[in-house]
Amino acid sequence: MIQVTIHQTDSYIHGFEMSGHADFAEHGQDLVCAGASAVSFGAVNAIMELTGIEPDIEQADSGFLKIAFPENMDKKTDEQVQLLVRAMIISLETIEHEYADFIKITFTA
């Protein structure tokens, strides 16, 4: 199962982690894994390209991704990052709704 953990305080998102494998289908055929990966990597790439920030990124071949956003962003950049990461969460929640046995999203403080 893919585990997605959103790190937030109140409604402010500081970063997120993804780990695990969906095991929905064989490697290379797993739509859940491909969808979750595309959404998360697309969001991180969009955040970097559109805002110019460099989040702290940890990644491993085992299916692990950890993103932490900088704390010292100006108000406009911060709002843009929050909007883009919320769009990512909505997309992941859509996948979770259809494939709840293969992906789980949790929110932590």
PDB file of N, CA and C in Angstrom:
ATOM      1  N   MET A   1       0.841  -1.177   0.000  1.00  0.00           N
ATOM      2  CA  MET A   1       0.000   0.000   0.000  1.00  0.00           C
ATOM      3  C   MET A   1       0.886   1.241   0.000  1.00  0.00           C
ATOM      4  N   ILE A   2       0.488   2.242  -0.749  1.00  0.00           N
ATOM      5  CA  ILE A   2       1.165   3.533  -0.726  1.00  0.00           C
ATOM      6  C   ILE A   2       0.634   4.314   0.467  1.00  0.00           C
ATOM      7  N   GLN A   3       1.538   4.791   1.293  1.00  0.00           N
ATOM      8  CA  GLN A   3       1.183   5.632   2.435  1.00  0.00           C
ATOM      9  C   GLN A   3       1.611   7.062   2.113  1.00  0.00           C
ATOM     10  N   VAL A   4       0.668   7.987   2.184  1.00  0.00           N
ATOM     11  CA  VAL A   4       0.960   9.400   1.982  1.00  0.00           C
ATOM     12  C   VAL A   4       0.682  10.102   3.301  1.00  0.00           C
ATOM     13  N   THR A   5       1.674  10.806   3.810  1.00  0.00           N
ATOM     14  CA  THR A   5       1.507  11.559   5.049  1.00  0.00           C
ATOM     15  C   THR A   5       1.716  13.028   4.738  1.00  0.00           C
ATOM     16  N   ILE A   6       0.699  13.825   5.023  1.00  0.00           N
ATOM     17  CA  ILE A   6       0.763  15.271   4.821  1.00  0.00           C
ATOM     18  C   ILE A   6       1.097  15.901   6.163  1.00  0.00           C
ATOM     19  N   HIS A   7       2.188  16.654   6.211  1.00  0.00           N
ATOM     20  CA  HIS A   7       2.602  17.320   7.447  1.00  0.00           C
ATOM     21  C   HIS A   7       2.033  18.738   7.444  1.00  0.00           C
ATOM     22  N   GLN A   8       1.188  19.009   8.430  1.00  0.00           N
ATOM     23  CA  GLN A   8       0.569  20.332   8.486  1.00  0.00           C
ATOM     24  C   GLN A   8       0.351  20.768   9.924  1.00  0.00           C
ATOM     25  N   THR A   9       0.284  22.072  10.101  1.00  0.00           N
ATOM     26  CA  THR A   9      -0.103  22.679  11.365  1.00  0.00           C
ATOM     27  C   THR A   9      -1.346  23.489  11.065  1.00  0.00           C
ATOM     28  N   ASP A  10      -2.418  23.180  11.773  1.00  0.00           N
ATOM     29  CA  ASP A  10      -3.726  23.743  11.443  1.00  0.00           C
ATOM     30  C   ASP A  10      -3.987  23.433   9.969  1.00  0.00           C
ATOM     31  N   SER A  11      -4.105  24.427   9.120  1.00  0.00           N
ATOM     32  CA  SER A  11      -4.340  24.139   7.702  1.00  0.00           C
ATOM     33  C   SER A  11      -3.109  24.444   6.847  1.00  0.00           C
ATOM     34  N   TYR A  12      -1.969  24.729   7.495  1.00  0.00           N
ATOM     35  CA  TYR A  12      -0.746  25.063   6.763  1.00  0.00           C
ATOM     36  C   TYR A  12       0.078  23.802   6.504  1.00  0.00           C
ATOM     37  N   ILE A  13       0.383  23.532   5.247  1.00  0.00           N
ATOM     38  CA  ILE A  13       1.107  22.324   4.860  1.00  0.00           C
ATOM     39  C   ILE A  13       2.602  22.629   4.789  1.00  0.00           C
ATOM     40  N   HIS A  14       3.387  21.872   5.561  1.00  0.00           N
ATOM     41  CA  HIS A  14       4.844  22.050   5.624  1.00  0.00           C
ATOM     42  C   HIS A  14       5.578  21.130   4.655  1.00  0.00           C
ATOM     43  N   GLY A  15       4.947  20.007   4.302  1.00  0.00           N
ATOM     44  CA  GLY A  15       5.583  19.034   3.432  1.00  0.00           C
ATOM     45  C   GLY A  15       4.784  17.744   3.420  1.00  0.00           C
ATOM     46  N   PHE A  16       5.348  16.723   2.799  1.00  0.00           N
ATOM     47  CA  PHE A  16       4.657  15.434   2.738  1.00  0.00           C
ATOM     48  C   PHE A  16       5.659  14.310   2.525  1.00  0.00           C
ATOM     49  N   GLU A  17       5.207  13.090   2.800  1.00  0.00           N
ATOM     50  CA  GLU A  17       5.987  11.878   2.556  1.00  0.00           C
ATOM     51  C   GLU A  17       5.121  10.873   1.816  1.00  0.00           C
ATOM     52  N   MET A  18       5.740  10.132   0.931  1.00  0.00           N
ATOM     53  CA  MET A  18       5.088   9.000   0.275  1.00  0.00           C
ATOM     54  C   MET A  18       6.020   7.811   0.410  1.00  0.00           C
ATOM     55  N   SER A  19       5.445   6.656   0.723  1.00  0.00           N
ATOM     56  CA  SER A  19       6.270   5.454   0.808  1.00  0.00           C
ATOM     57  C   SER A  19       5.428   4.234   0.468  1.00  0.00           C
ATOM     58  N   GLY A  20       6.109   3.183   0.091  1.00  0.00           N
ATOM     59  CA  GLY A  20       5.439   1.928  -0.194  1.00  0.00           C
ATOM     60  C   GLY A  20       5.103   1.753  -1.660  1.00  0.00           C
ATOM     61  N   HIS A  21       4.467   0.632  -1.914  1.00  0.00           N
ATOM     62  CA  HIS A  21       4.042   0.283  -3.268  1.00  0.00           C
ATOM     63  C   HIS A  21       2.571  -0.112  -3.228  1.00  0.00           C
ATOM     64  N   ALA A  22       1.840   0.241  -4.258  1.00  0.00           N
ATOM     65  CA  ALA A  22       0.406  -0.045  -4.289  1.00  0.00           C
ATOM     66  C   ALA A  22       0.130  -1.542  -4.409  1.00  0.00           C
ATOM     67  N   ASP A  23       0.957  -2.249  -5.158  1.00  0.00           N
ATOM     68  CA  ASP A  23       0.731  -3.674  -5.434  1.00  0.00           C
ATOM     69  C   ASP A  23      -0.640  -3.926  -6.058  1.00  0.00           C
ATOM     70  N   PHE A  24      -1.095  -2.965  -6.848  1.00  0.00           N
ATOM     71  CA  PHE A  24      -2.356  -3.101  -7.577  1.00  0.00           C
ATOM     72  C   PHE A  24      -2.191  -4.057  -8.757  1.00  0.00           C
ATOM     73  N   ALA A  25      -1.008  -4.007  -9.368  1.00  0.00           N
ATOM     74  CA  ALA A  25      -0.707  -4.857 -10.522  1.00  0.00           C
ATOM     75  C   ALA A  25       0.801  -5.086 -10.554  1.00  0.00           C
ATOM     76  N   GLU A  26       1.257  -5.848 -11.531  1.00  0.00           N
ATOM     77  CA  GLU A  26       2.681  -6.121 -11.674  1.00  0.00           C
ATOM     78  C   GLU A  26       3.447  -4.827 -11.920  1.00  0.00           C
ATOM     79  N   HIS A  27       4.734  -4.866 -11.558  1.00  0.00           N
ATOM     80  CA  HIS A  27       5.610  -3.721 -11.798  1.00  0.00           C
ATOM     81  C   HIS A  27       5.537  -3.320 -13.274  1.00  0.00           C
ATOM     82  N   GLY A  28       5.379  -2.046 -13.522  1.00  0.00           N
ATOM     83  CA  GLY A  28       5.245  -1.553 -14.886  1.00  0.00           C
ATOM     84  C   GLY A  28       3.815  -1.517 -15.391  1.00  0.00           C
ATOM     85  N   GLN A  29       2.897  -2.150 -14.662  1.00  0.00           N
ATOM     86  CA  GLN A  29       1.487  -2.179 -15.038  1.00  0.00           C
ATOM     87  C   GLN A  29       0.597  -1.560 -13.963  1.00  0.00           C
ATOM     88  N   ASP A  30       1.192  -1.076 -12.891  1.00  0.00           N
ATOM     89  CA  ASP A  30       0.455  -0.618 -11.715  1.00  0.00           C
ATOM     90  C   ASP A  30      -0.033   0.821 -11.908  1.00  0.00           C
ATOM     91  N   LEU A  31      -1.307   0.954 -12.243  1.00  0.00           N
ATOM     92  CA  LEU A  31      -1.886   2.273 -12.497  1.00  0.00           C
ATOM     93  C   LEU A  31      -1.943   3.142 -11.245  1.00  0.00           C
ATOM     94  N   VAL A  32      -2.169   2.540 -10.089  1.00  0.00           N
ATOM     95  CA  VAL A  32      -2.250   3.314  -8.849  1.00  0.00           C
ATOM     96  C   VAL A  32      -0.890   3.920  -8.533  1.00  0.00           C
ATOM     97  N   CYS A  33       0.139   3.108  -8.622  1.00  0.00           N
ATOM     98  CA  CYS A  33       1.493   3.596  -8.360  1.00  0.00           C
ATOM     99  C   CYS A  33       1.890   4.665  -9.382  1.00  0.00           C
ATOM    100  N   ALA A  34       1.613   4.408 -10.636  1.00  0.00           N
ATOM    101  CA  ALA A  34       1.951   5.366 -11.688  1.00  0.00           C
ATOM    102  C   ALA A  34       1.206   6.680 -11.495  1.00  0.00           C
ATOM    103  N   GLY A  35      -0.075   6.593 -11.154  1.00  0.00           N
ATOM    104  CA  GLY A  35      -0.868   7.801 -10.940  1.00  0.00           C
ATOM    105  C   GLY A  35      -0.379   8.611  -9.757  1.00  0.00           C
ATOM    106  N   ALA A  36      -0.129   7.940  -8.630  1.00  0.00           N
ATOM    107  CA  ALA A  36       0.343   8.640  -7.432  1.00  0.00           C
ATOM    108  C   ALA A  36       1.715   9.261  -7.673  1.00  0.00           C
ATOM    109  N   SER A  37       2.577   8.545  -8.364  1.00  0.00           N
ATOM    110  CA  SER A  37       3.910   9.070  -8.673  1.00  0.00           C
ATOM    111  C   SER A  37       3.825  10.280  -9.594  1.00  0.00           C
ATOM    112  N   ALA A  38       3.014  10.175 -10.631  1.00  0.00           N
ATOM    113  CA  ALA A  38       2.876  11.281 -11.579  1.00  0.00           C
ATOM    114  C   ALA A  38       2.323  12.525 -10.897  1.00  0.00           C
ATOM    115  N   VAL A  39       1.325  12.349 -10.047  1.00  0.00           N
ATOM    116  CA  VAL A  39       0.723  13.487  -9.344  1.00  0.00           C
ATOM    117  C   VAL A  39       1.738  14.141  -8.413  1.00  0.00           C
ATOM    118  N   SER A  40       2.439  13.341  -7.616  1.00  0.00           N
ATOM    119  CA  SER A  40       3.366  13.915  -6.639  1.00  0.00           C
ATOM    120  C   SER A  40       4.582  14.552  -7.308  1.00  0.00           C
ATOM    121  N   PHE A  41       5.195  13.857  -8.259  1.00  0.00           N
ATOM    122  CA  PHE A  41       6.358  14.433  -8.934  1.00  0.00           C
ATOM    123  C   PHE A  41       5.961  15.635  -9.783  1.00  0.00           C
ATOM    124  N   GLY A  42       4.792  15.576 -10.410  1.00  0.00           N
ATOM    125  CA  GLY A  42       4.308  16.720 -11.176  1.00  0.00           C
ATOM    126  C   GLY A  42       4.087  17.938 -10.304  1.00  0.00           C
ATOM    127  N   ALA A  43       3.543  17.728  -9.115  1.00  0.00           N
ATOM    128  CA  ALA A  43       3.310  18.844  -8.193  1.00  0.00           C
ATOM    129  C   ALA A  43       4.626  19.450  -7.727  1.00  0.00           C
ATOM    130  N   VAL A  44       5.575  18.607  -7.362  1.00  0.00           N
ATOM    131  CA  VAL A  44       6.875  19.118  -6.909  1.00  0.00           C
ATOM    132  C   VAL A  44       7.574  19.868  -8.039  1.00  0.00           C
ATOM    133  N   ASN A  45       7.550  19.317  -9.238  1.00  0.00           N
ATOM    134  CA  ASN A  45       8.156  20.005 -10.381  1.00  0.00           C
ATOM    135  C   ASN A  45       7.467  21.334 -10.659  1.00  0.00           C
ATOM    136  N   ALA A  46       6.137  21.371 -10.568  1.00  0.00           N
ATOM    137  CA  ALA A  46       5.395  22.618 -10.789  1.00  0.00           C
ATOM    138  C   ALA A  46       5.743  23.646  -9.719  1.00  0.00           C
ATOM    139  N   ILE A  47       5.818  23.209  -8.472  1.00  0.00           N
ATOM    140  CA  ILE A  47       6.177  24.127  -7.387  1.00  0.00           C
ATOM    141  C   ILE A  47       7.550  24.736  -7.645  1.00  0.00           C
ATOM    142  N   MET A  48       8.512  23.913  -8.012  1.00  0.00           N
ATOM    143  CA  MET A  48       9.865  24.412  -8.252  1.00  0.00           C
ATOM    144  C   MET A  48       9.909  25.352  -9.459  1.00  0.00           C
ATOM    145  N   GLU A  49       9.242  24.967 -10.532  1.00  0.00           N
ATOM    146  CA  GLU A  49       9.276  25.762 -11.761  1.00  0.00           C
ATOM    147  C   GLU A  49       8.509  27.077 -11.625  1.00  0.00           C
ATOM    148  N   LEU A  50       7.340  27.032 -11.006  1.00  0.00           N
ATOM    149  CA  LEU A  50       6.473  28.212 -10.960  1.00  0.00           C
ATOM    150  C   LEU A  50       6.797  29.179  -9.828  1.00  0.00           C
ATOM    151  N   THR A  51       7.411  28.676  -8.762  1.00  0.00           N
ATOM    152  CA  THR A  51       7.706  29.556  -7.618  1.00  0.00           C
ATOM    153  C   THR A  51       9.189  29.841  -7.453  1.00  0.00           C
ATOM    154  N   GLY A  52      10.027  29.018  -8.047  1.00  0.00           N
ATOM    155  CA  GLY A  52      11.465  29.208  -7.923  1.00  0.00           C
ATOM    156  C   GLY A  52      12.067  28.684  -6.626  1.00  0.00           C
ATOM    157  N   ILE A  53      11.263  28.071  -5.770  1.00  0.00           N
ATOM    158  CA  ILE A  53      11.808  27.553  -4.516  1.00  0.00           C
ATOM    159  C   ILE A  53      12.462  26.192  -4.741  1.00  0.00           C
ATOM    160  N   GLU A  54      13.315  25.811  -3.826  1.00  0.00           N
ATOM    161  CA  GLU A  54      13.954  24.500  -3.833  1.00  0.00           C
ATOM    162  C   GLU A  54      13.576  23.790  -2.542  1.00  0.00           C
ATOM    163  N   PRO A  55      12.546  22.960  -2.569  1.00  0.00           N
ATOM    164  CA  PRO A  55      12.202  22.231  -1.352  1.00  0.00           C
ATOM    165  C   PRO A  55      13.302  21.230  -1.002  1.00  0.00           C
ATOM    166  N   ASP A  56      13.338  20.834   0.252  1.00  0.00           N
ATOM    167  CA  ASP A  56      14.242  19.771   0.679  1.00  0.00           C
ATOM    168  C   ASP A  56      13.630  18.457   0.196  1.00  0.00           C
ATOM    169  N   ILE A  57      14.365  17.707  -0.608  1.00  0.00           N
ATOM    170  CA  ILE A  57      13.848  16.480  -1.215  1.00  0.00           C
ATOM    171  C   ILE A  57      14.705  15.294  -0.786  1.00  0.00           C
ATOM    172  N   GLU A  58      14.043  14.274  -0.245  1.00  0.00           N
ATOM    173  CA  GLU A  58      14.684  12.984   0.024  1.00  0.00           C
ATOM    174  C   GLU A  58      13.945  11.953  -0.817  1.00  0.00           C
ATOM    175  N   GLN A  59      14.708  11.081  -1.461  1.00  0.00           N
ATOM    176  CA  GLN A  59      14.095  10.117  -2.368  1.00  0.00           C
ATOM    177  C   GLN A  59      14.907   8.825  -2.356  1.00  0.00           C
ATOM    178  N   ALA A  60      14.224   7.697  -2.504  1.00  0.00           N
ATOM    179  CA  ALA A  60      14.901   6.399  -2.579  1.00  0.00           C
ATOM    180  C   ALA A  60      14.199   5.524  -3.605  1.00  0.00           C
ATOM    181  N   ASP A  61      14.939   4.589  -4.177  1.00  0.00           N
ATOM    182  CA  ASP A  61      14.380   3.675  -5.174  1.00  0.00           C
ATOM    183  C   ASP A  61      13.287   2.782  -4.610  1.00  0.00           C
ATOM    184  N   SER A  62      13.213   2.701  -3.292  1.00  0.00           N
ATOM    185  CA  SER A  62      12.229   1.824  -2.649  1.00  0.00           C
ATOM    186  C   SER A  62      10.811   2.393  -2.678  1.00  0.00           C
ATOM    187  N   GLY A  63      10.622   3.539  -3.323  1.00  0.00           N
ATOM    188  CA  GLY A  63       9.298   4.144  -3.366  1.00  0.00           C
ATOM    189  C   GLY A  63       9.103   5.204  -2.305  1.00  0.00           C
ATOM    190  N   PHE A  64      10.205   5.730  -1.767  1.00  0.00           N
ATOM    191  CA  PHE A  64      10.134   6.737  -0.708  1.00  0.00           C
ATOM    192  C   PHE A  64      10.386   8.121  -1.287  1.00  0.00           C
ATOM    193  N   LEU A  65       9.540   9.080  -0.899  1.00  0.00           N
ATOM    194  CA  LEU A  65       9.708  10.476  -1.280  1.00  0.00           C
ATOM    195  C   LEU A  65       9.315  11.334  -0.092  1.00  0.00           C
ATOM    196  N   LYS A  66      10.194  12.246   0.296  1.00  0.00           N
ATOM    197  CA  LYS A  66       9.894  13.181   1.385  1.00  0.00           C
ATOM    198  C   LYS A  66      10.220  14.583   0.907  1.00  0.00           C
ATOM    199  N   ILE A  67       9.249  15.475   1.065  1.00  0.00           N
ATOM    200  CA  ILE A  67       9.383  16.863   0.640  1.00  0.00           C
ATOM    201  C   ILE A  67       9.121  17.767   1.837  1.00  0.00           C
ATOM    202  N   ALA A  68      10.013  18.736   2.056  1.00  0.00           N
ATOM    203  CA  ALA A  68       9.805  19.756   3.087  1.00  0.00           C
ATOM    204  C   ALA A  68       9.973  21.118   2.423  1.00  0.00           C
ATOM    205  N   PHE A  69       8.987  21.975   2.616  1.00  0.00           N
ATOM    206  CA  PHE A  69       9.021  23.295   2.005  1.00  0.00           C
ATOM    207  C   PHE A  69       9.788  24.274   2.892  1.00  0.00           C
ATOM    208  N   PRO A  70      10.494  25.249   2.283  1.00  0.00           N
ATOM    209  CA  PRO A  70      11.236  26.231   3.078  1.00  0.00           C
ATOM    210  C   PRO A  70      10.301  27.013   4.001  1.00  0.00           C
ATOM    211  N   GLU A  71      10.848  27.433   5.127  1.00  0.00           N
ATOM    212  CA  GLU A  71      10.043  28.181   6.096  1.00  0.00           C
ATOM    213  C   GLU A  71      10.084  29.684   5.864  1.00  0.00           C
ATOM    214  N   ASN A  72      11.016  30.163   5.075  1.00  0.00           N
ATOM    215  CA  ASN A  72      11.215  31.605   4.943  1.00  0.00           C
ATOM    216  C   ASN A  72      10.720  32.172   3.614  1.00  0.00           C
ATOM    217  N   MET A  73       9.634  31.645   3.096  1.00  0.00           N
ATOM    218  CA  MET A  73       9.103  32.138   1.819  1.00  0.00           C
ATOM    219  C   MET A  73       8.329  33.432   2.028  1.00  0.00           C
ATOM    220  N   ASP A  74       8.349  34.295   1.002  1.00  0.00           N
ATOM    221  CA  ASP A  74       7.508  35.486   1.082  1.00  0.00           C
ATOM    222  C   ASP A  74       6.045  35.067   0.935  1.00  0.00           C
ATOM    223  N   LYS A  75       5.147  35.978   1.278  1.00  0.00           N
ATOM    224  CA  LYS A  75       3.713  35.658   1.341  1.00  0.00           C
ATOM    225  C   LYS A  75       3.179  35.128   0.006  1.00  0.00           C
ATOM    226  N   LYS A  76       3.527  35.786  -1.096  1.00  0.00           N
ATOM    227  CA  LYS A  76       3.012  35.371  -2.405  1.00  0.00           C
ATOM    228  C   LYS A  76       3.502  33.964  -2.765  1.00  0.00           C
ATOM    229  N   THR A  77       4.779  33.712  -2.589  1.00  0.00           N
ATOM    230  CA  THR A  77       5.338  32.394  -2.896  1.00  0.00           C
ATOM    231  C   THR A  77       4.708  31.330  -2.011  1.00  0.00           C
ATOM    232  N   ASP A  78       4.574  31.643  -0.736  1.00  0.00           N
ATOM    233  CA  ASP A  78       3.966  30.714   0.213  1.00  0.00           C
ATOM    234  C   ASP A  78       2.544  30.345  -0.223  1.00  0.00           C
ATOM    235  N   GLU A  79       1.761  31.334  -0.625  1.00  0.00           N
ATOM    236  CA  GLU A  79       0.391  31.081  -1.079  1.00  0.00           C
ATOM    237  C   GLU A  79       0.384  30.205  -2.332  1.00  0.00           C
ATOM    238  N   GLN A  80       1.322  30.445  -3.248  1.00  0.00           N
ATOM    239  CA  GLN A  80       1.405  29.635  -4.464  1.00  0.00           C
ATOM    240  C   GLN A  80       1.748  28.181  -4.133  1.00  0.00           C
ATOM    241  N   VAL A  81       2.709  27.992  -3.235  1.00  0.00           N
ATOM    242  CA  VAL A  81       3.095  26.637  -2.834  1.00  0.00           C
ATOM    243  C   VAL A  81       1.910  25.924  -2.195  1.00  0.00           C
ATOM    244  N   GLN A  82       1.212  26.619  -1.301  1.00  0.00           N
ATOM    245  CA  GLN A  82       0.064  26.005  -0.631  1.00  0.00           C
ATOM    246  C   GLN A  82      -1.010  25.600  -1.646  1.00  0.00           C
ATOM    247  N   LEU A  83      -1.283  26.447  -2.620  1.00  0.00           N
ATOM    248  CA  LEU A  83      -2.286  26.136  -3.640  1.00  0.00           C
ATOM    249  C   LEU A  83      -1.880  24.905  -4.458  1.00  0.00           C
ATOM    250  N   LEU A  84      -0.633  24.869  -4.886  1.00  0.00           N
ATOM    251  CA  LEU A  84      -0.176  23.747  -5.706  1.00  0.00           C
ATOM    252  C   LEU A  84      -0.155  22.436  -4.924  1.00  0.00           C
ATOM    253  N   VAL A  85       0.266  22.482  -3.673  1.00  0.00           N
ATOM    254  CA  VAL A  85       0.300  21.243  -2.893  1.00  0.00           C
ATOM    255  C   VAL A  85      -1.119  20.786  -2.551  1.00  0.00           C
ATOM    256  N   ARG A  86      -2.045  21.722  -2.362  1.00  0.00           N
ATOM    257  CA  ARG A  86      -3.446  21.339  -2.128  1.00  0.00           C
ATOM    258  C   ARG A  86      -4.047  20.689  -3.379  1.00  0.00           C
ATOM    259  N   ALA A  87      -3.675  21.181  -4.547  1.00  0.00           N
ATOM    260  CA  ALA A  87      -4.135  20.550  -5.792  1.00  0.00           C
ATOM    261  C   ALA A  87      -3.603  19.119  -5.882  1.00  0.00           C
ATOM    262  N   MET A  88      -2.356  18.915  -5.470  1.00  0.00           N
ATOM    263  CA  MET A  88      -1.789  17.566  -5.445  1.00  0.00           C
ATOM    264  C   MET A  88      -2.592  16.668  -4.514  1.00  0.00           C
ATOM    265  N   ILE A  89      -2.915  17.179  -3.337  1.00  0.00           N
ATOM    266  CA  ILE A  89      -3.663  16.388  -2.353  1.00  0.00           C
ATOM    267  C   ILE A  89      -5.034  16.002  -2.903  1.00  0.00           C
ATOM    268  N   ILE A  90      -5.713  16.932  -3.553  1.00  0.00           N
ATOM    269  CA  ILE A  90      -7.023  16.631  -4.137  1.00  0.00           C
ATOM    270  C   ILE A  90      -6.896  15.517  -5.176  1.00  0.00           C
ATOM    271  N   SER A  91      -5.871  15.574  -5.999  1.00  0.00           N
ATOM    272  CA  SER A  91      -5.659  14.519  -6.997  1.00  0.00           C
ATOM    273  C   SER A  91      -5.374  13.177  -6.333  1.00  0.00           C
ATOM    274  N   LEU A  92      -4.549  13.176  -5.284  1.00  0.00           N
ATOM    275  CA  LEU A  92      -4.264  11.930  -4.568  1.00  0.00           C
ATOM    276  C   LEU A  92      -5.510  11.401  -3.864  1.00  0.00           C
ATOM    277  N   GLU A  93      -6.332  12.296  -3.321  1.00  0.00           N
ATOM    278  CA  GLU A  93      -7.580  11.864  -2.679  1.00  0.00           C
ATOM    279  C   GLU A  93      -8.539  11.243  -3.691  1.00  0.00           C
ATOM    280  N   THR A  94      -8.521  11.730  -4.916  1.00  0.00           N
ATOM    281  CA  THR A  94      -9.340  11.136  -5.974  1.00  0.00           C
ATOM    282  C   THR A  94      -8.888   9.703  -6.245  1.00  0.00           C
ATOM    283  N   ILE A  95      -7.586   9.497  -6.298  1.00  0.00           N
ATOM    284  CA  ILE A  95      -7.060   8.139  -6.475  1.00  0.00           C
ATOM    285  C   ILE A  95      -7.435   7.278  -5.273  1.00  0.00           C
ATOM    286  N   GLU A  96      -7.282   7.827  -4.068  1.00  0.00           N
ATOM    287  CA  GLU A  96      -7.618   7.085  -2.850  1.00  0.00           C
ATOM    288  C   GLU A  96      -9.094   6.687  -2.833  1.00  0.00           C
ATOM    289  N   HIS A  97      -9.959   7.564  -3.291  1.00  0.00           N
ATOM    290  CA  HIS A  97     -11.393   7.278  -3.310  1.00  0.00           C
ATOM    291  C   HIS A  97     -11.702   6.041  -4.168  1.00  0.00           C
ATOM    292  N   GLU A  98     -11.033   5.928  -5.294  1.00  0.00           N
ATOM    293  CA  GLU A  98     -11.278   4.812  -6.214  1.00  0.00           C
ATOM    294  C   GLU A  98     -10.494   3.550  -5.856  1.00  0.00           C
ATOM    295  N   TYR A  99      -9.353   3.712  -5.196  1.00  0.00           N
ATOM    296  CA  TYR A  99      -8.453   2.581  -4.929  1.00  0.00           C
ATOM    297  C   TYR A  99      -8.020   2.565  -3.466  1.00  0.00           C
ATOM    298  N   ALA A 100      -8.978   2.622  -2.563  1.00  0.00           N
ATOM    299  CA  ALA A 100      -8.704   2.752  -1.127  1.00  0.00           C
ATOM    300  C   ALA A 100      -7.900   1.588  -0.552  1.00  0.00           C
ATOM    301  N   ASP A 101      -7.921   0.440  -1.187  1.00  0.00           N
ATOM    302  CA  ASP A 101      -7.136  -0.696  -0.700  1.00  0.00           C
ATOM    303  C   ASP A 101      -5.655  -0.574  -1.052  1.00  0.00           C
ATOM    304  N   PHE A 102      -5.307   0.428  -1.856  1.00  0.00           N
ATOM    305  CA  PHE A 102      -3.948   0.515  -2.377  1.00  0.00           C
ATOM    306  C   PHE A 102      -3.225   1.817  -2.044  1.00  0.00           C
ATOM    307  N   ILE A 103      -3.934   2.830  -1.540  1.00  0.00           N
ATOM    308  CA  ILE A 103      -3.320   4.107  -1.173  1.00  0.00           C
ATOM    309  C   ILE A 103      -4.085   4.691   0.008  1.00  0.00           C
ATOM    310  N   LYS A 104      -3.339   5.212   0.982  1.00  0.00           N
ATOM    311  CA  LYS A 104      -3.954   5.818   2.159  1.00  0.00           C
ATOM    312  C   LYS A 104      -3.266   7.145   2.433  1.00  0.00           C
ATOM    313  N   ILE A 105      -4.075   8.181   2.649  1.00  0.00           N
ATOM    314  CA  ILE A 105      -3.572   9.518   2.947  1.00  0.00           C
ATOM    315  C   ILE A 105      -3.909   9.851   4.389  1.00  0.00           C
ATOM    316  N   THR A 106      -2.911  10.314   5.129  1.00  0.00           N
ATOM    317  CA  THR A 106      -3.136  10.763   6.504  1.00  0.00           C
ATOM    318  C   THR A 106      -2.551  12.161   6.668  1.00  0.00           C
ATOM    319  N   PHE A 107      -3.102  12.887   7.616  1.00  0.00           N
ATOM    320  CA  PHE A 107      -2.649  14.239   7.929  1.00  0.00           C
ATOM    321  C   PHE A 107      -2.126  14.245   9.358  1.00  0.00           C
ATOM    322  N   THR A 108      -0.918  14.791   9.553  1.00  0.00           N
ATOM    323  CA  THR A 108      -0.329  14.854  10.887  1.00  0.00           C
ATOM    324  C   THR A 108       0.109  16.271  11.208  1.00  0.00           C
ATOM    325  N   ALA A 109       0.182  16.535  12.491  1.00  0.00           N
ATOM    326  CA  ALA A 109       0.634  17.861  12.948  1.00  0.00           C
ATOM    327  C   ALA A 109       2.136  17.874  13.076  1.00  0.00           C
TER     328      ALA A 109
END
